[in-house]
Amino acid sequence: VNIGVGPWLTRATQSTDFEPILSWLEESTGFDCVLNISPNYDSLQSDLLAGHIDVAILSAAAYADILNEPNAKTTYIATVVAGEKQSLDSFYHGYIFTRQDNAGATLESLKDRPFAFVDRGSSSGFQYPMALLLSAGFAPNKDFKSVFYLGSHDRVVSAVADGQVYAGAVWDATLLKAQEKGGKFKVIAETERIPREAWVAGAAVKSEVSSALRDALIGATLETKTK
């Protein structure tokens, strides 16, 4: 089963992060599960619809795009939950952030500054932050000095940290992890709740395969261990 993901983080990080759940799926279903990291969100969606991958792990924005695609046939499998044992949830947030030493930074201070998004297909790295900016009366196409699409959340964090851009938009977990590693950042604004990723099977995937994957995913808990 070829399982596709978007370029959320670096390839090495994502390969490591997904290894346990893929091992669990292989043990539970008997399928060989192979991770495919797409170069961008558009490729992930098109590969699923074309049958080049069997299952895609889609952001809320990407799944909405596929549901709006004429004649697209997919099967919903499950939605990711994450968090600590006492606070598991099926949503997260996007952050618009800058360096901590940018004193007095606000949405208004973003004007005439360079800004970094992840990808137009990213929920937390573009679509929800863009909606936040528009609702605040910001006109990104003319108010920013320049706009960059850097392809992954890690790259946006690095660009802000290095001063290559004044601010950026990322997934909350990426920024929190960077802060845990000593990064000094300030959150300027937080998006509304974003549904976590959906596992979605393509049209050619047999129902028994989707069902087996669903049972294995839903059967996993924080205490689950692979062999």
Protein backbone atom coordinates (compact mmCIF):
# COMPACT_ATOMS: atom_id res chain seq x y z
CA VAL A 1 0.00 0.00 0.00
CA ASN A 2 1.57 3.26 -1.13
CA ILE A 3 0.78 5.97 1.42
CA GLY A 4 1.38 9.59 0.45
CA VAL A 5 2.00 12.65 2.60
CA GLY A 6 2.71 16.29 1.82
CA PRO A 7 6.01 18.06 2.54
CA TRP A 8 5.15 19.19 6.06
CA LEU A 9 8.67 18.82 7.46
CA THR A 10 12.03 17.68 6.15
CA ARG A 11 12.06 14.29 4.41
CA ALA A 12 14.29 12.79 7.10
CA THR A 13 12.01 13.99 9.91
CA GLN A 14 8.85 12.73 8.24
CA SER A 15 10.38 9.33 7.44
CA THR A 16 11.32 8.92 11.09
CA ASP A 17 7.99 10.20 12.40
CA PHE A 18 5.92 7.86 10.23
CA GLU A 19 7.99 4.71 10.81
CA PRO A 20 6.10 3.55 13.94
CA ILE A 21 2.58 3.90 12.50
CA LEU A 22 3.60 2.22 9.23
CA SER A 23 5.14 -0.66 11.20
CA TRP A 24 1.90 -0.96 13.17
CA LEU A 25 -0.16 -1.03 9.99
CA GLU A 26 2.06 -3.72 8.48
CA GLU A 27 1.80 -5.90 11.60
CA SER A 28 -1.96 -5.39 11.89
CA THR A 29 -2.97 -5.80 8.24
CA GLY A 30 -0.24 -7.90 6.65
CA PHE A 31 0.21 -5.28 3.92
CA ASP A 32 3.56 -3.80 2.96
CA CYS A 33 3.18 -0.06 3.60
CA VAL A 34 5.46 2.36 1.76
CA LEU A 35 5.70 6.07 2.58
CA ASN A 36 5.70 8.46 -0.40
CA ILE A 37 6.60 12.09 0.38
CA SER A 38 5.23 14.38 -2.33
CA PRO A 39 7.22 17.47 -3.35
CA ASN A 40 4.13 19.67 -2.90
CA TYR A 41 0.45 19.50 -2.01
CA ASP A 42 -0.78 19.62 -5.60
CA SER A 43 1.25 16.54 -6.45
CA LEU A 44 -0.14 14.67 -3.45
CA GLN A 45 -3.71 15.32 -4.57
CA SER A 46 -3.11 14.54 -8.24
CA ASP A 47 -1.19 11.34 -7.42
CA LEU A 48 -4.11 10.10 -5.31
CA LEU A 49 -6.69 10.87 -8.00
CA ALA A 50 -4.52 9.33 -10.73
CA GLY A 51 -3.94 6.15 -8.71
CA HIS A 52 -0.18 6.61 -8.36
CA ILE A 53 -0.61 6.27 -4.59
CA ASP A 54 -3.27 4.25 -2.78
CA VAL A 55 -3.83 6.38 0.31
CA ALA A 56 -3.13 10.06 0.99
CA ILE A 57 -2.88 11.79 4.34
CA LEU A 58 -4.53 15.08 3.49
CA SER A 59 -4.71 18.42 5.24
CA ALA A 60 -8.17 19.90 5.72
CA ALA A 61 -7.61 22.25 2.80
CA ALA A 62 -6.34 19.50 0.49
CA TYR A 63 -9.23 17.18 1.36
CA ALA A 64 -11.73 19.98 0.73
CA ASP A 65 -10.14 20.50 -2.70
CA ILE A 66 -10.56 16.81 -3.54
CA LEU A 67 -14.18 16.75 -2.38
CA ASN A 68 -14.84 19.67 -4.72
CA GLU A 69 -13.16 17.88 -7.64
CA PRO A 70 -15.75 16.75 -10.25
CA ASN A 71 -16.09 12.96 -10.51
CA ALA A 72 -13.36 12.34 -7.94
CA LYS A 73 -14.01 9.06 -6.11
CA THR A 74 -12.29 8.55 -2.78
CA THR A 75 -12.99 6.70 0.46
CA TYR A 76 -12.57 8.41 3.82
CA ILE A 77 -10.68 6.16 6.25
CA ALA A 78 -10.02 8.10 9.46
CA THR A 79 -8.92 11.41 10.97
CA VAL A 80 -5.74 11.88 12.95
CA VAL A 81 -5.92 12.57 16.68
CA ALA A 82 -2.93 13.89 18.59
CA GLY A 83 -1.84 15.40 21.88
CA GLU A 84 -1.20 14.23 25.42
CA LYS A 85 -3.10 11.34 27.02
CA GLN A 86 -5.58 13.62 28.79
CA SER A 87 -6.07 16.04 25.90
CA LEU A 88 -6.25 14.12 22.64
CA ASP A 89 -8.02 16.10 19.94
CA SER A 90 -8.73 16.10 16.21
CA PHE A 91 -7.81 19.71 15.51
CA TYR A 92 -4.83 22.07 15.67
CA HIS A 93 -4.01 25.73 14.88
CA GLY A 94 -1.83 27.77 12.57
CA TYR A 95 0.44 30.53 13.87
CA ILE A 96 1.56 33.78 12.30
CA PHE A 97 4.85 34.42 14.08
CA THR A 98 8.07 36.39 14.10
CA ARG A 99 11.31 36.50 16.07
CA GLN A 100 11.04 37.31 19.75
CA ASP A 101 13.38 40.28 19.36
CA ASN A 102 10.96 42.01 16.97
CA ALA A 103 9.48 44.12 19.74
CA GLY A 104 5.91 45.30 19.34
CA ALA A 105 5.19 43.01 16.39
CA THR A 106 1.51 42.96 15.39
CA LEU A 107 -0.45 42.13 12.25
CA GLU A 108 -0.16 45.80 11.32
CA SER A 109 3.64 45.61 11.58
CA LEU A 110 3.68 42.97 8.81
CA LYS A 111 3.06 45.66 6.21
CA ASP A 112 6.00 46.37 3.91
CA ARG A 113 7.89 43.36 5.29
CA PRO A 114 8.87 40.04 3.64
CA PHE A 115 6.63 37.13 4.65
CA ALA A 116 6.85 33.34 4.23
CA PHE A 117 4.05 30.81 3.70
CA VAL A 118 4.51 27.04 3.34
CA ASP A 119 2.45 26.14 0.25
CA ARG A 120 -0.87 27.27 -1.19
CA GLY A 121 -2.27 23.82 -0.41
CA SER A 122 -1.31 23.97 3.27
CA SER A 123 -4.11 24.58 5.78
CA SER A 124 -1.99 26.00 8.61
CA GLY A 125 0.83 27.25 6.39
CA PHE A 126 -1.35 29.26 4.02
CA GLN A 127 -5.14 28.97 3.79
CA TYR A 128 -6.20 29.56 7.40
CA PRO A 129 -3.57 32.28 8.04
CA MET A 130 -4.59 33.95 4.77
CA ALA A 131 -8.24 33.92 5.89
CA LEU A 132 -7.16 35.46 9.19
CA LEU A 133 -5.22 38.21 7.42
CA LEU A 134 -8.09 38.98 5.04
CA SER A 135 -10.62 39.15 7.87
CA ALA A 136 -8.33 41.60 9.67
CA GLY A 137 -8.43 43.89 6.62
CA PHE A 138 -4.94 42.98 5.45
CA ALA A 139 -4.31 42.94 1.69
CA PRO A 140 -1.42 40.44 1.30
CA ASN A 141 -1.04 40.98 -2.44
CA LYS A 142 -0.06 44.60 -1.87
CA ASP A 143 0.70 45.01 1.84
CA PHE A 144 3.66 42.61 2.04
CA LYS A 145 7.01 43.75 0.70
CA SER A 146 7.45 40.25 -0.75
CA VAL A 147 5.93 36.78 -0.29
CA PHE A 148 7.73 33.42 -0.37
CA TYR A 149 6.37 29.86 -0.51
CA LEU A 150 9.10 27.74 1.05
CA GLY A 151 7.58 24.27 0.73
CA SER A 152 7.78 23.05 4.34
CA HIS A 153 7.02 24.32 7.82
CA ASP A 154 10.62 23.76 8.95
CA ARG A 155 11.91 26.03 6.19
CA VAL A 156 9.54 28.81 7.20
CA VAL A 157 10.75 28.60 10.80
CA SER A 158 14.38 28.70 9.64
CA ALA A 159 13.74 31.69 7.36
CA VAL A 160 12.20 33.67 10.23
CA ALA A 161 14.94 32.61 12.66
CA ASP A 162 17.67 33.68 10.22
CA GLY A 163 15.98 37.03 9.49
CA GLN A 164 15.45 36.20 5.82
CA VAL A 165 11.78 37.12 6.31
CA TYR A 166 10.15 39.21 9.01
CA ALA A 167 7.36 36.72 9.77
CA GLY A 168 5.74 33.52 8.56
CA ALA A 169 2.82 31.13 8.91
CA VAL A 170 3.20 27.56 10.20
CA TRP A 171 1.60 24.61 11.94
CA ASP A 172 1.52 25.14 15.73
CA ALA A 173 3.41 21.90 16.51
CA THR A 174 6.36 22.92 14.32
CA LEU A 175 6.79 26.24 16.08
CA LEU A 176 6.40 24.71 19.55
CA LYS A 177 9.04 22.09 18.72
CA ALA A 178 11.40 24.81 17.49
CA GLN A 179 10.87 26.74 20.74
CA GLU A 180 11.61 23.61 22.78
CA LYS A 181 14.94 23.42 20.96
CA GLY A 182 15.79 26.99 21.98
CA GLY A 183 14.24 29.02 19.19
CA LYS A 184 13.09 32.48 20.27
CA PHE A 185 9.82 33.35 18.58
CA LYS A 186 6.71 35.40 19.21
CA VAL A 187 3.21 34.39 18.06
CA ILE A 188 1.45 37.37 16.49
CA ALA A 189 -1.85 35.66 15.73
CA GLU A 190 -3.48 32.23 15.97
CA THR A 191 -5.95 30.81 13.47
CA GLU A 192 -9.26 29.18 14.23
CA ARG A 193 -9.29 25.42 14.86
CA ILE A 194 -8.19 23.37 11.85
CA PRO A 195 -9.33 19.74 11.44
CA ARG A 196 -6.38 17.35 11.59
CA GLU A 197 -5.32 15.28 8.60
CA ALA A 198 -7.65 12.77 6.97
CA TRP A 199 -6.48 9.39 5.67
CA VAL A 200 -8.21 8.97 2.29
CA ALA A 201 -8.11 6.02 -0.12
CA GLY A 202 -8.18 6.37 -3.90
CA ALA A 203 -10.86 5.01 -6.20
CA ALA A 204 -8.96 1.81 -7.11
CA VAL A 205 -8.41 0.71 -3.50
CA LYS A 206 -10.59 -2.26 -2.55
CA SER A 207 -13.06 -1.77 0.31
CA GLU A 208 -11.48 -4.57 2.34
CA VAL A 209 -8.13 -2.76 2.19
CA SER A 210 -9.65 0.53 3.38
CA SER A 211 -11.52 -1.30 6.15
CA ALA A 212 -8.38 -3.11 7.32
CA LEU A 213 -6.44 0.15 7.45
CA ARG A 214 -9.29 1.85 9.32
CA ASP A 215 -9.50 -0.92 11.92
CA ALA A 216 -5.75 -0.82 12.49
CA LEU A 217 -5.62 2.95 12.82
CA ILE A 218 -8.60 3.17 15.14
CA GLY A 219 -7.25 0.25 17.17
CA ALA A 220 -4.00 2.06 17.96
CA THR A 221 -3.68 3.90 21.29
CA LEU A 222 -0.87 5.76 23.03
CA GLU A 223 -0.02 2.47 24.77
CA THR A 224 0.17 0.44 21.54
CA LYS A 225 3.55 -1.14 20.85
CA THR A 226 4.84 -2.75 17.67
CA LYS A 227 6.65 -6.05 17.84
